[in-house]
N, C-alpha and C. Protein backbone atom coordinates (compact mmCIF):
# COMPACT_ATOMS: atom_id res chain seq x y z
N MET A 1 -4.59 -7.65 -5.34
CA MET A 1 -4.54 -6.22 -5.05
C MET A 1 -5.64 -5.77 -4.52
N PHE A 2 -6.21 -4.47 -4.64
CA PHE A 2 -7.15 -3.71 -3.49
C PHE A 2 -8.41 -4.57 -4.34
N ARG A 3 -9.33 -4.78 -3.70
CA ARG A 3 -11.06 -4.84 -4.01
C ARG A 3 -11.87 -4.38 -2.95
N ALA A 4 -11.49 -3.08 -2.56
CA ALA A 4 -11.99 -2.38 -1.66
C ALA A 4 -13.52 -1.53 -2.18
N PRO A 5 -14.39 -1.00 -1.21
CA PRO A 5 -15.36 -0.39 -2.25
C PRO A 5 -15.34 0.73 -3.18
N GLU A 6 -14.40 1.72 -3.00
CA GLU A 6 -13.65 2.62 -4.19
C GLU A 6 -12.23 2.55 -4.40
N VAL A 7 -11.64 1.17 -3.98
CA VAL A 7 -10.36 1.04 -4.23
C VAL A 7 -10.13 -0.10 -5.03
N LEU A 8 -10.32 0.02 -6.19
CA LEU A 8 -10.37 -1.43 -7.29
C LEU A 8 -9.16 -1.46 -8.04
N LEU A 9 -8.44 -2.66 -7.83
CA LEU A 9 -7.18 -2.99 -8.83
C LEU A 9 -7.12 -4.17 -8.98
N GLU A 10 -6.67 -4.83 -10.24
CA GLU A 10 -6.88 -6.13 -10.80
C GLU A 10 -6.20 -7.18 -9.96
N SER A 11 -5.61 -7.28 -9.15
CA SER A 11 -4.81 -8.43 -8.21
C SER A 11 -4.58 -8.20 -6.68
N ARG A 12 -3.92 -8.75 -5.83
CA ARG A 12 -3.79 -8.38 -4.69
C ARG A 12 -2.86 -7.44 -4.49
N GLY A 13 -1.48 -6.92 -5.02
CA GLY A 13 -0.71 -6.38 -4.65
C GLY A 13 -0.72 -4.81 -5.18
N PRO A 14 0.11 -3.99 -4.95
CA PRO A 14 0.31 -2.72 -5.53
C PRO A 14 1.14 -2.30 -6.64
N SER A 15 1.24 -3.69 -7.55
CA SER A 15 2.51 -3.22 -8.64
C SER A 15 1.53 -2.47 -9.65
N GLY A 16 2.45 -1.19 -10.03
CA GLY A 16 1.72 -0.65 -11.28
C GLY A 16 1.54 -1.17 -12.51
N SER A 17 2.15 -2.17 -13.22
CA SER A 17 2.15 -2.68 -13.94
C SER A 17 0.51 -3.64 -14.19
N SER A 18 0.41 -4.42 -13.03
CA SER A 18 -0.83 -4.72 -13.16
C SER A 18 -2.13 -3.91 -12.51
N ALA A 19 -1.91 -2.61 -12.36
CA ALA A 19 -3.18 -2.02 -11.69
C ALA A 19 -4.23 -1.39 -13.17
N ILE A 20 -5.44 -1.62 -12.37
CA ILE A 20 -6.36 -1.10 -13.49
C ILE A 20 -7.01 0.31 -13.18
N ILE A 21 -6.35 1.12 -13.83
CA ILE A 21 -6.65 2.57 -13.61
C ILE A 21 -7.99 2.72 -13.72
N LEU A 22 -9.11 2.86 -13.19
CA LEU A 22 -10.11 2.97 -13.56
C LEU A 22 -10.69 3.97 -13.95
N THR A 23 -10.24 5.46 -13.80
CA THR A 23 -10.46 6.57 -14.51
C THR A 23 -9.21 7.53 -14.55
N PRO A 24 -8.71 7.28 -15.96
CA PRO A 24 -7.10 7.77 -15.72
C PRO A 24 -7.02 8.84 -15.63
N ILE A 25 -6.23 9.73 -14.80
CA ILE A 25 -5.75 10.99 -14.49
C ILE A 25 -4.76 11.65 -15.31
N ASP A 26 -4.35 12.34 -16.40
CA ASP A 26 -3.27 13.05 -16.81
C ASP A 26 -2.69 13.95 -15.84
N ALA A 27 -1.59 13.93 -16.35
CA ALA A 27 -0.39 14.81 -15.10
C ALA A 27 -1.24 16.48 -14.79
N ASP A 28 -1.87 16.61 -15.93
CA ASP A 28 -2.30 18.32 -15.86
C ASP A 28 -3.61 18.36 -14.83
N GLY A 29 -4.08 17.14 -14.68
CA GLY A 29 -5.61 16.92 -14.05
C GLY A 29 -5.37 16.44 -12.38
N ILE A 30 -4.22 16.27 -12.34
CA ILE A 30 -4.13 15.81 -10.67
C ILE A 30 -4.06 16.58 -9.87
N PRO A 31 -3.74 18.05 -10.02
CA PRO A 31 -3.79 19.05 -9.25
C PRO A 31 -5.55 19.37 -9.18
N SER A 32 -6.24 19.03 -10.01
CA SER A 32 -7.62 19.71 -9.96
C SER A 32 -8.28 18.45 -9.21
N ALA A 33 -7.66 17.45 -9.53
CA ALA A 33 -8.61 16.35 -8.82
C ALA A 33 -8.40 16.23 -7.30
N LEU A 34 -7.04 16.62 -7.11
CA LEU A 34 -6.46 16.78 -5.65
C LEU A 34 -7.50 17.56 -5.11
N ARG A 35 -7.72 18.95 -5.60
CA ARG A 35 -8.39 19.75 -4.94
C ARG A 35 -10.13 19.43 -4.65
N THR A 36 -10.40 18.58 -5.92
CA THR A 36 -11.79 18.15 -5.58
C THR A 36 -11.95 17.05 -4.35
N PHE A 37 -10.75 16.26 -4.22
CA PHE A 37 -10.89 15.33 -3.37
C PHE A 37 -10.50 16.16 -2.14
N ALA A 38 -9.90 17.04 -1.69
CA ALA A 38 -9.69 17.97 -0.34
C ALA A 38 -10.90 18.52 -0.13
N ALA A 39 -11.87 19.14 -1.08
CA ALA A 39 -12.70 19.53 -0.58
C ALA A 39 -14.03 18.53 -0.12
N GLY A 40 -13.97 17.56 -0.17
CA GLY A 40 -14.93 16.21 0.13
C GLY A 40 -14.30 15.80 1.45
N VAL A 41 -13.16 16.25 1.65
CA VAL A 41 -12.72 15.54 3.13
C VAL A 41 -13.07 16.60 4.38
N ARG A 42 -13.79 15.98 5.08
CA ARG A 42 -14.44 17.12 6.01
C ARG A 42 -13.76 17.14 7.41
N ASN A 43 -12.90 16.48 7.55
CA ASN A 43 -11.92 16.05 9.03
C ASN A 43 -10.67 16.66 8.44
N PRO A 44 -10.36 17.57 9.43
CA PRO A 44 -9.35 18.74 9.23
C PRO A 44 -7.70 17.91 9.07
N ASP A 45 -7.90 16.89 10.20
CA ASP A 45 -6.70 15.82 10.36
C ASP A 45 -6.40 15.17 8.90
N ALA A 46 -7.63 14.60 8.39
CA ALA A 46 -7.28 14.01 7.41
C ALA A 46 -6.83 14.75 5.95
N ARG A 47 -7.50 16.12 6.25
CA ARG A 47 -7.29 17.00 5.02
C ARG A 47 -5.85 17.36 5.02
N ARG A 48 -4.88 17.31 6.58
CA ARG A 48 -3.43 17.50 6.54
C ARG A 48 -2.73 16.37 5.82
N VAL A 49 -3.20 15.15 6.31
CA VAL A 49 -2.75 13.94 5.43
C VAL A 49 -2.66 13.59 4.25
N LEU A 50 -3.70 14.24 3.68
CA LEU A 50 -3.97 14.11 2.13
C LEU A 50 -3.02 15.22 1.71
N ALA A 51 -2.96 16.25 2.29
CA ALA A 51 -1.95 17.45 1.76
C ALA A 51 -0.41 16.92 1.77
N ALA A 52 -0.10 16.14 2.83
CA ALA A 52 1.06 15.74 3.00
C ALA A 52 1.66 14.42 1.86
N ILE A 53 0.34 13.98 1.46
CA ILE A 53 0.77 13.14 0.17
C ILE A 53 0.82 13.77 -1.05
N ALA A 54 0.18 14.78 -0.95
CA ALA A 54 0.16 15.44 -2.36
C ALA A 54 1.27 16.09 -2.71
N GLU A 55 2.26 16.65 -1.42
CA GLU A 55 3.60 17.58 -1.48
C GLU A 55 4.47 16.54 -2.15
N THR A 56 4.49 14.81 -2.15
CA THR A 56 5.17 14.11 -2.84
C THR A 56 5.28 14.13 -4.06
N SER A 57 6.09 13.36 -4.53
CA SER A 57 6.12 13.27 -5.97
C SER A 57 5.22 12.14 -6.77
N ALA A 58 4.72 13.01 -7.98
CA ALA A 58 3.55 11.67 -8.51
C ALA A 58 4.33 10.75 -9.56
N GLU A 59 5.78 10.96 -9.49
CA GLU A 59 6.72 10.22 -10.57
C GLU A 59 7.60 8.89 -9.46
N ARG A 60 7.69 8.21 -10.02
CA ARG A 60 8.38 6.96 -9.61
C ARG A 60 10.05 7.45 -9.74
N ALA A 61 10.56 7.08 -8.49
CA ALA A 61 12.32 7.28 -8.38
C ALA A 61 12.93 6.82 -9.37
N GLN A 62 13.93 6.79 -9.93
CA GLN A 62 14.81 6.17 -10.82
C GLN A 62 15.95 6.04 -10.33
N GLY A 63 16.89 5.17 -11.02
CA GLY A 63 18.48 5.12 -10.70
C GLY A 63 18.77 4.78 -9.21
N GLU A 64 19.57 5.74 -9.31
CA GLU A 64 20.42 5.63 -7.35
C GLU A 64 19.45 5.85 -6.60
N LEU A 65 18.38 6.98 -6.87
CA LEU A 65 17.48 7.19 -6.02
C LEU A 65 16.20 5.94 -5.37
N ALA A 66 16.41 5.41 -6.70
CA ALA A 66 15.53 4.64 -6.47
C ALA A 66 16.06 3.02 -5.69
N SER A 67 17.38 3.08 -5.88
CA SER A 67 18.10 1.97 -5.29
C SER A 67 18.03 2.55 -3.66
N ALA A 68 18.28 3.73 -3.38
CA ALA A 68 18.25 4.29 -2.08
C ALA A 68 16.95 4.11 -1.49
N HIS A 69 15.98 4.14 -2.37
CA HIS A 69 14.50 3.91 -1.57
C HIS A 69 14.31 2.68 -1.40
N LYS A 70 14.99 1.79 -2.07
CA LYS A 70 14.60 0.44 -2.12
C LYS A 70 15.34 0.07 -0.80
N GLN A 71 16.50 0.51 -0.47
CA GLN A 71 17.70 -0.01 0.66
C GLN A 71 16.71 0.62 2.13
N GLU A 72 16.00 1.79 2.17
CA GLU A 72 15.22 2.19 3.04
C GLU A 72 14.23 1.47 3.53
N ALA A 73 13.61 0.97 2.42
CA ALA A 73 12.32 0.07 2.75
C ALA A 73 12.51 -1.26 3.26
N LEU A 74 13.83 -1.95 3.01
CA LEU A 74 14.37 -2.96 3.48
C LEU A 74 14.71 -2.61 5.06
N ALA A 75 15.49 -1.84 4.84
CA ALA A 75 15.72 -1.47 6.74
C ALA A 75 14.63 -1.37 7.70
N LEU A 76 13.59 -0.93 7.22
CA LEU A 76 12.36 -0.86 7.94
C LEU A 76 11.97 -1.92 7.79
N ALA A 77 12.13 -2.88 6.90
CA ALA A 77 11.28 -4.68 7.01
C ALA A 77 12.20 -5.23 8.27
N ARG A 78 13.58 -5.14 7.97
CA ARG A 78 14.22 -5.57 8.87
C ARG A 78 14.04 -5.16 10.32
N SER A 79 13.54 -3.94 10.55
CA SER A 79 13.70 -3.69 11.76
C SER A 79 12.25 -4.24 12.83
N LEU A 80 11.27 -4.36 11.63
CA LEU A 80 10.40 -5.06 12.24
C LEU A 80 10.36 -6.78 12.44
N GLY A 81 11.53 -6.97 12.17
CA GLY A 81 11.68 -8.39 12.16
C GLY A 81 11.54 -9.41 11.13
N MET A 82 11.05 -8.49 9.75
CA MET A 82 11.05 -9.31 8.79
C MET A 82 12.61 -9.67 8.21
N ARG A 83 12.63 -11.16 7.73
CA ARG A 83 13.86 -11.28 7.15
C ARG A 83 13.52 -11.27 5.66
N VAL A 84 14.79 -11.57 4.80
CA VAL A 84 14.76 -10.87 3.46
C VAL A 84 15.48 -11.76 2.73
N ARG A 85 14.91 -12.57 1.67
CA ARG A 85 15.36 -13.41 0.75
C ARG A 85 16.06 -12.58 -0.46
N SER A 86 17.71 -12.82 -0.47
CA SER A 86 18.27 -11.82 -1.29
C SER A 86 18.98 -12.48 -2.33
N ASP A 87 18.75 -14.04 -2.51
CA ASP A 87 19.31 -14.60 -3.82
C ASP A 87 18.90 -14.10 -5.06
N GLN A 88 19.70 -14.55 -6.13
CA GLN A 88 19.55 -14.03 -7.34
C GLN A 88 18.22 -14.90 -7.72
N SER A 89 17.95 -16.06 -7.93
CA SER A 89 16.99 -16.80 -8.39
C SER A 89 15.44 -16.50 -8.05
N PRO A 90 14.90 -16.19 -9.21
CA PRO A 90 13.33 -15.82 -9.13
C PRO A 90 12.66 -16.02 -8.06
N ALA A 91 12.12 -15.28 -6.88
CA ALA A 91 11.44 -15.46 -6.07
C ALA A 91 10.02 -15.75 -6.36
N PRO A 92 9.48 -17.08 -5.80
CA PRO A 92 8.19 -17.68 -6.44
C PRO A 92 7.05 -16.67 -5.43
N PHE A 93 7.28 -16.23 -4.33
CA PHE A 93 6.56 -15.06 -3.62
C PHE A 93 7.09 -14.03 -3.35
N GLY A 94 6.23 -12.81 -3.00
CA GLY A 94 6.71 -11.79 -2.45
C GLY A 94 6.70 -11.72 -1.03
N TRP A 95 6.05 -12.57 -0.42
CA TRP A 95 6.15 -13.22 1.17
C TRP A 95 5.79 -14.46 1.28
N ASP A 96 7.10 -15.41 1.44
CA ASP A 96 6.60 -16.83 1.20
C ASP A 96 6.36 -17.71 2.82
N GLY A 97 5.99 -16.39 3.91
CA GLY A 97 5.70 -16.89 5.07
C GLY A 97 6.82 -16.76 6.06
N ALA A 98 7.92 -16.46 5.46
CA ALA A 98 9.31 -16.65 6.30
C ALA A 98 10.23 -15.38 5.86
N LEU A 99 10.34 -15.38 4.55
CA LEU A 99 11.40 -14.14 4.07
C LEU A 99 10.53 -13.20 2.89
N LEU A 100 10.93 -12.23 3.10
CA LEU A 100 10.27 -11.03 2.21
C LEU A 100 11.35 -10.97 0.96
N SER A 101 10.70 -11.25 -0.22
CA SER A 101 11.42 -10.95 -1.56
C SER A 101 12.26 -9.41 -1.91
N ASP A 102 13.49 -9.50 -2.07
CA ASP A 102 13.95 -8.06 -2.78
C ASP A 102 14.14 -7.43 -3.85
N GLN A 103 13.33 -8.77 -4.81
CA GLN A 103 13.05 -8.36 -6.28
C GLN A 103 11.89 -7.67 -6.54
N THR A 104 11.81 -6.21 -6.08
CA THR A 104 10.86 -5.55 -6.29
C THR A 104 11.15 -4.28 -5.99
N GLU A 105 10.42 -2.93 -6.39
CA GLU A 105 10.66 -1.92 -6.07
C GLU A 105 10.13 -1.37 -4.52
N ALA A 106 10.63 -0.11 -4.17
CA ALA A 106 10.24 0.15 -2.99
C ALA A 106 8.77 0.41 -2.49
N TYR A 107 8.31 0.76 -3.39
CA TYR A 107 6.72 0.75 -2.86
C TYR A 107 6.05 -0.62 -2.41
N VAL A 108 6.43 -1.56 -3.22
CA VAL A 108 6.05 -2.86 -3.45
C VAL A 108 6.56 -2.98 -2.15
N LEU A 109 7.75 -2.94 -1.31
CA LEU A 109 8.25 -3.31 -0.37
C LEU A 109 7.38 -2.87 0.91
N LEU A 110 7.55 -1.48 0.85
CA LEU A 110 6.47 -1.10 1.92
C LEU A 110 5.10 -1.32 2.07
N HIS A 111 4.37 -1.49 0.80
CA HIS A 111 2.70 -2.25 0.65
C HIS A 111 3.07 -3.67 1.31
N GLU A 112 4.16 -4.22 1.44
CA GLU A 112 4.25 -5.99 1.98
C GLU A 112 4.75 -5.55 3.48
N ILE A 113 5.29 -4.56 3.64
CA ILE A 113 5.40 -4.36 5.18
C ILE A 113 4.13 -4.06 5.88
N ALA A 114 3.63 -3.16 5.23
CA ALA A 114 2.16 -2.65 5.92
C ALA A 114 1.27 -3.86 5.90
N HIS A 115 1.08 -4.79 5.19
CA HIS A 115 0.73 -6.11 5.12
C HIS A 115 1.15 -7.15 6.23
N TYR A 116 2.45 -7.13 6.45
CA TYR A 116 3.29 -7.63 7.53
C TYR A 116 2.44 -7.32 8.84
N GLN A 117 2.37 -5.97 9.13
CA GLN A 117 1.86 -5.23 10.39
C GLN A 117 0.65 -5.57 10.25
N LEU A 118 0.01 -5.51 9.49
CA LEU A 118 -1.60 -5.80 9.75
C LEU A 118 -2.26 -6.99 9.82
N ALA A 119 -1.54 -8.09 9.18
CA ALA A 119 -1.73 -9.50 9.67
C ALA A 119 -1.48 -9.97 11.05
N PRO A 120 -2.56 -10.86 11.66
CA PRO A 120 -2.45 -11.50 12.79
C PRO A 120 -1.24 -12.36 12.85
N ALA A 121 -0.76 -12.57 14.11
CA ALA A 121 0.86 -13.73 13.93
C ALA A 121 0.61 -14.79 13.62
N GLU A 122 -0.85 -15.24 13.22
CA GLU A 122 -0.98 -17.00 12.60
C GLU A 122 -0.80 -16.62 11.00
N ARG A 123 -1.49 -15.70 10.51
CA ARG A 123 -1.06 -15.03 9.05
C ARG A 123 0.22 -14.80 8.52
N ARG A 124 0.68 -14.14 9.76
CA ARG A 124 2.26 -13.65 9.24
C ARG A 124 3.38 -14.90 8.79
N GLY A 125 2.78 -16.27 9.25
CA GLY A 125 3.25 -17.09 8.66
C GLY A 125 3.17 -17.82 7.38
N LEU A 126 2.08 -17.17 6.96
CA LEU A 126 1.39 -17.76 5.45
C LEU A 126 2.04 -16.80 4.54
N ILE A 127 1.81 -17.70 3.24
CA ILE A 127 2.27 -17.36 2.00
C ILE A 127 1.70 -16.21 1.50
N GLU A 128 1.81 -15.32 1.11
CA GLU A 128 1.49 -14.06 1.05
C GLU A 128 0.17 -13.62 1.87
N PHE A 129 0.83 -13.77 3.16
CA PHE A 129 -0.43 -13.01 4.23
C PHE A 129 -1.53 -14.30 4.07
N GLY A 130 -1.29 -15.03 3.46
CA GLY A 130 -2.99 -15.62 3.40
C GLY A 130 -3.95 -15.23 2.66
N LEU A 131 -3.49 -14.22 1.92
CA LEU A 131 -4.58 -12.96 0.83
C LEU A 131 -4.41 -13.66 -0.45
N GLY A 132 -3.93 -14.67 -0.88
CA GLY A 132 -3.93 -15.19 -2.37
C GLY A 132 -2.75 -14.46 -3.09
N PRO A 133 -2.67 -14.88 -4.51
CA PRO A 133 -1.53 -14.45 -5.22
C PRO A 133 -1.58 -12.73 -5.44
N GLY A 134 -0.47 -12.14 -5.55
CA GLY A 134 -0.24 -10.65 -5.84
C GLY A 134 0.24 -10.88 -7.39
N PRO A 135 0.43 -9.94 -7.80
CA PRO A 135 0.91 -9.66 -9.38
C PRO A 135 2.44 -9.81 -9.61
N ASP A 136 3.15 -10.22 -8.32
CA ASP A 136 4.54 -10.34 -8.54
C ASP A 136 4.82 -11.98 -8.01
N THR A 137 3.42 -12.66 -7.62
CA THR A 137 3.52 -13.99 -7.12
C THR A 137 3.82 -14.94 -8.34
N ARG A 138 4.94 -15.89 -8.29
CA ARG A 138 4.99 -16.58 -9.78
C ARG A 138 4.50 -18.03 -9.35
N ASP A 139 4.54 -18.40 -8.00
CA ASP A 139 3.72 -19.58 -7.77
C ASP A 139 2.12 -19.06 -7.33
N ILE A 140 1.50 -19.29 -8.35
CA ILE A 140 -0.06 -18.95 -8.38
C ILE A 140 -0.80 -19.90 -7.54
N GLU A 141 -0.43 -21.07 -7.75
CA GLU A 141 -1.08 -22.44 -7.05
C GLU A 141 -0.83 -22.24 -5.62
N GLY A 142 0.31 -22.19 -5.23
CA GLY A 142 0.69 -22.46 -3.94
C GLY A 142 0.16 -20.84 -3.11
N ALA A 143 0.23 -19.77 -3.57
CA ALA A 143 -0.41 -18.87 -3.15
C ALA A 143 -1.67 -18.85 -2.80
N GLU A 144 -2.88 -19.51 -3.42
CA GLU A 144 -4.11 -19.69 -3.77
C GLU A 144 -4.32 -20.66 -2.76
N SER A 145 -3.37 -21.77 -2.52
CA SER A 145 -3.68 -22.87 -1.70
C SER A 145 -3.64 -22.46 0.11
N ALA A 146 -2.72 -21.37 -0.03
CA ALA A 146 -2.55 -20.63 1.38
C ALA A 146 -3.51 -19.53 1.70
N ALA A 147 -4.44 -19.47 0.73
CA ALA A 147 -5.28 -18.43 0.81
C ALA A 147 -6.11 -18.50 2.07
N VAL A 148 -6.67 -17.65 3.15
CA VAL A 148 -7.64 -17.92 4.35
C VAL A 148 -8.24 -16.81 4.36
N LEU A 149 -7.97 -15.78 3.75
CA LEU A 149 -9.25 -14.61 3.96
C LEU A 149 -9.63 -13.86 2.80
N SER A 150 -10.84 -13.89 2.60
CA SER A 150 -11.56 -13.57 1.13
C SER A 150 -12.42 -12.60 1.50
N GLY A 151 -13.23 -11.94 0.58
CA GLY A 151 -14.41 -10.94 0.86
C GLY A 151 -14.05 -9.89 1.27
N THR A 152 -15.24 -9.25 2.19
CA THR A 152 -15.13 -7.90 2.69
C THR A 152 -13.88 -7.85 3.59
N GLU A 153 -13.42 -8.87 4.13
CA GLU A 153 -12.23 -8.88 5.31
C GLU A 153 -11.01 -8.60 4.79
N ARG A 154 -11.02 -9.13 3.51
CA ARG A 154 -9.78 -8.71 2.29
C ARG A 154 -9.73 -7.76 2.32
N ASP A 155 -10.77 -7.28 1.81
CA ASP A 155 -11.06 -5.64 0.95
C ASP A 155 -10.39 -4.84 1.97
N ARG A 156 -11.14 -5.11 3.46
CA ARG A 156 -10.64 -3.88 4.30
C ARG A 156 -9.27 -4.21 4.62
N GLU A 157 -8.56 -5.06 4.67
CA GLU A 157 -7.00 -4.99 4.95
C GLU A 157 -6.23 -4.91 3.80
N GLU A 158 -6.85 -4.92 2.13
CA GLU A 158 -6.05 -4.28 1.47
C GLU A 158 -5.95 -2.79 1.15
N ALA A 159 -7.31 -2.27 1.89
CA ALA A 159 -7.27 -0.75 1.71
C ALA A 159 -6.42 -0.07 2.94
N MET A 160 -6.59 -0.80 3.90
CA MET A 160 -5.33 -0.30 5.00
C MET A 160 -4.08 -0.42 4.97
N ALA A 161 -3.62 -1.74 3.97
CA ALA A 161 -2.56 -1.81 3.97
C ALA A 161 -2.11 -0.97 2.87
N SER A 162 -2.92 -0.72 1.74
CA SER A 162 -2.45 0.29 0.63
C SER A 162 -2.05 1.79 1.07
N LEU A 163 -3.13 2.36 2.22
CA LEU A 163 -2.79 3.51 2.81
C LEU A 163 -1.49 3.49 3.75
N LEU A 164 -1.50 2.55 4.53
CA LEU A 164 -0.24 2.49 5.61
C LEU A 164 0.84 2.34 4.36
N GLY A 165 0.98 1.74 3.47
CA GLY A 165 2.18 1.96 2.79
C GLY A 165 2.62 3.22 2.01
N ILE A 166 1.38 3.71 1.80
CA ILE A 166 1.71 5.36 1.09
C ILE A 166 2.05 6.20 2.37
N LEU A 167 1.65 6.14 3.45
CA LEU A 167 2.06 6.62 4.95
C LEU A 167 3.57 6.66 5.48
N TRP A 168 4.10 5.43 5.08
CA TRP A 168 5.34 5.10 5.01
C TRP A 168 6.28 5.82 3.84
N GLU A 169 5.65 5.94 2.79
CA GLU A 169 6.16 6.66 2.00
C GLU A 169 6.42 8.02 2.10
N VAL A 170 5.25 8.61 2.59
CA VAL A 170 5.15 9.93 3.15
C VAL A 170 6.23 10.13 4.20
N ARG A 171 6.35 9.31 5.46
CA ARG A 171 7.28 9.17 6.57
C ARG A 171 8.76 9.13 5.60
N LEU A 172 9.05 8.32 4.88
CA LEU A 172 10.62 8.31 4.08
C LEU A 172 10.66 9.17 3.11
N ARG A 173 9.83 10.07 2.75
CA ARG A 173 9.86 11.04 1.81
C ARG A 173 10.12 10.27 0.23
N GLN A 174 9.46 9.34 0.08
CA GLN A 174 9.57 8.96 -1.26
C GLN A 174 8.36 9.11 -1.94
N PRO A 175 7.88 8.71 -3.14
CA PRO A 175 6.72 9.15 -4.24
C PRO A 175 5.51 8.74 -3.53
N ALA A 176 5.09 9.18 -2.72
CA ALA A 176 3.64 8.53 -1.65
C ALA A 176 2.88 8.89 -2.84
N LEU A 177 2.53 10.00 -3.09
CA LEU A 177 1.40 10.35 -4.60
C LEU A 177 1.47 9.62 -5.55
N ALA A 178 2.62 9.26 -6.31
CA ALA A 178 2.20 8.25 -7.29
C ALA A 178 1.86 6.93 -6.94
N SER A 179 2.02 6.62 -5.46
CA SER A 179 1.00 5.05 -5.05
C SER A 179 -0.55 5.67 -5.02
N PHE A 180 -0.49 6.51 -4.66
CA PHE A 180 -2.08 7.12 -4.20
C PHE A 180 -2.68 6.95 -5.63
N LEU A 181 -2.16 7.64 -6.71
CA LEU A 181 -2.68 7.71 -7.81
C LEU A 181 -2.78 6.05 -8.36
N ASP A 182 -1.68 5.29 -8.67
CA ASP A 182 -1.60 3.86 -9.04
C ASP A 182 -3.03 2.99 -8.29
N GLN A 183 -2.92 3.34 -6.84
CA GLN A 183 -3.77 2.47 -6.31
C GLN A 183 -5.03 3.12 -6.02
N ASN A 184 -5.49 3.80 -7.20
CA ASN A 184 -7.26 4.10 -7.18
C ASN A 184 -7.73 4.90 -6.03
N TRP A 185 -6.81 5.72 -5.65
CA TRP A 185 -7.45 6.18 -4.39
C TRP A 185 -8.53 7.69 -4.90
N LEU A 186 -7.88 8.01 -5.74
CA LEU A 186 -8.87 9.12 -6.71
C LEU A 186 -10.09 8.66 -7.45
N GLU A 187 -10.32 7.42 -7.41
CA GLU A 187 -11.52 6.68 -7.96
C GLU A 187 -12.40 7.60 -7.25
N GLY A 188 -13.87 7.96 -7.75
CA GLY A 188 -15.13 8.53 -7.54
C GLY A 188 -14.83 9.76 -6.66
N VAL A 189 -13.72 10.49 -6.96
CA VAL A 189 -13.24 11.98 -6.11
C VAL A 189 -14.69 12.54 -6.64
N ALA A 190 -15.45 12.81 -7.80
CA ALA A 190 -16.19 13.92 -8.14
C ALA A 190 -17.55 13.75 -7.16
N GLY A 191 -17.92 12.52 -6.66
CA GLY A 191 -19.00 12.09 -5.97
C GLY A 191 -18.85 12.11 -4.26
N GLY A 192 -17.47 12.28 -4.18
CA GLY A 192 -17.24 12.18 -2.60
C GLY A 192 -17.00 11.03 -2.03
N ARG A 193 -17.39 9.77 -2.90
CA ARG A 193 -16.85 8.54 -2.33
C ARG A 193 -15.39 8.07 -1.59
N ALA A 194 -14.51 8.72 -2.70
CA ALA A 194 -12.94 8.81 -2.45
C ALA A 194 -12.58 9.41 -1.06
N ALA A 195 -13.25 10.62 -0.80
CA ALA A 195 -12.91 11.35 0.24
C ALA A 195 -13.45 10.51 1.44
N ARG A 196 -14.57 9.94 1.23
CA ARG A 196 -15.32 9.40 2.55
C ARG A 196 -14.17 8.02 2.61
N HIS A 197 -14.08 7.33 1.91
CA HIS A 197 -13.38 5.90 2.09
C HIS A 197 -12.20 6.29 2.42
N PHE A 198 -11.54 7.59 2.16
CA PHE A 198 -9.88 7.75 2.63
C PHE A 198 -9.94 8.08 3.99
N THR A 199 -10.99 8.92 4.30
CA THR A 199 -11.11 9.17 5.44
C THR A 199 -11.17 7.91 6.71
N SER A 200 -12.47 7.17 6.37
CA SER A 200 -12.56 5.84 7.05
C SER A 200 -11.45 4.99 7.20
N VAL A 201 -10.63 4.63 5.96
CA VAL A 201 -9.33 4.04 6.23
C VAL A 201 -8.20 4.43 7.07
N LEU A 202 -8.34 5.61 7.13
CA LEU A 202 -7.16 6.37 7.96
C LEU A 202 -7.85 6.14 9.30
N GLN A 203 -8.87 6.60 9.68
CA GLN A 203 -9.50 6.63 10.95
C GLN A 203 -9.32 4.84 11.69
N SER A 204 -9.44 4.31 10.62
CA SER A 204 -9.08 2.83 10.94
C SER A 204 -7.88 2.54 11.43
N LEU A 205 -6.95 2.83 10.55
CA LEU A 205 -5.27 2.69 11.11
C LEU A 205 -4.88 3.52 12.28
N ARG A 206 -5.93 4.49 12.53
CA ARG A 206 -5.65 5.46 13.71
C ARG A 206 -6.25 4.68 14.83
N ASP A 207 -7.43 3.95 14.84
CA ASP A 207 -7.82 3.46 15.89
C ASP A 207 -7.38 1.83 16.41
N GLU A 208 -6.82 1.52 15.20
CA GLU A 208 -5.83 0.45 15.71
C GLU A 208 -4.57 0.48 15.96
N GLY A 209 -4.05 1.61 16.07
CA GLY A 209 -2.76 1.83 16.29
C GLY A 209 -1.56 1.91 15.40
N PHE A 210 -2.06 1.66 13.83
CA PHE A 210 -1.02 1.51 13.04
C PHE A 210 -0.49 2.92 12.61
N VAL A 211 -0.82 3.89 13.11
CA VAL A 211 -0.49 5.31 12.70
C VAL A 211 -1.10 5.87 13.78
N ASN A 212 0.06 6.75 14.19
CA ASN A 212 -0.27 8.06 15.59
C ASN A 212 -1.35 9.05 15.20
N ALA A 213 -1.31 10.11 16.05
CA ALA A 213 -2.27 10.87 16.45
C ALA A 213 -2.26 12.09 14.91
N GLU A 214 -0.91 12.05 14.92
CA GLU A 214 -0.25 12.85 13.35
C GLU A 214 -0.32 11.81 12.08
N ALA A 215 -0.71 10.83 12.15
CA ALA A 215 -0.89 9.87 11.26
C ALA A 215 0.64 9.63 10.39
N ARG A 216 1.59 9.18 11.61
CA ARG A 216 2.88 8.80 11.04
C ARG A 216 2.85 7.61 11.49
N PRO A 217 2.82 6.58 10.68
CA PRO A 217 3.14 5.24 10.91
C PRO A 217 3.81 4.60 12.06
N THR A 218 3.38 3.72 12.95
CA THR A 218 4.16 3.33 14.00
C THR A 218 4.67 2.03 13.67
N LEU A 219 5.34 1.20 14.85
CA LEU A 219 6.03 0.09 14.35
C LEU A 219 5.39 -1.13 15.03
N ARG A 220 3.78 -0.64 15.10
CA ARG A 220 2.73 -1.36 15.61
C ARG A 220 2.96 -3.02 14.84
N LEU A 221 2.54 -4.20 15.52
CA LEU A 221 2.28 -5.26 14.90
C LEU A 221 1.00 -6.01 15.26
N ARG A 222 0.17 -6.49 14.55
CA ARG A 222 -1.28 -6.81 14.95
C ARG A 222 -0.88 -8.03 15.97
């Protein structure tokens, strides 16, 4: 999961079941936290992006809607050239260097798609993109042996993948706010750290062409 300066989770992936929510926010406190966050965002474009995230649901989709969201995510993956592993046996990896496991939720798939876009070609062919095991990784040793990125470089990519995946959720009208909360983007909101981190990561995605001027995700591959 994410180990960026202001976005800290337990391990590499975005799975809510493995996340450490550093400062839990109950449902009633979300609007106030978001207002505080927005007040610290100086850039008008970044404020608009935050507003678009805040307009989505803070609750994960269930039932048929969740299934529809998953199919949208898989269609996006295929459009980017990702092949999908769809057999019923447990997948050892979320991404095995060639195939994306479909045994997870839409928001996790969108996060993996973001990693696929951000990883250079040589890492797209590595297990878990060379980042080590995530919460859905069953073959921990295999993922660890394939890891080539660590430290600050991994932190930066994890933060960018988190926000890019969330922006795909916004684009597809899926519950982006749920991911924004789960992935601890509101950590440090009172002191302005969260706002600065959000603005910086968004600018990096823009600068590198992964989102356009309106902060809509592009189909760019690194």
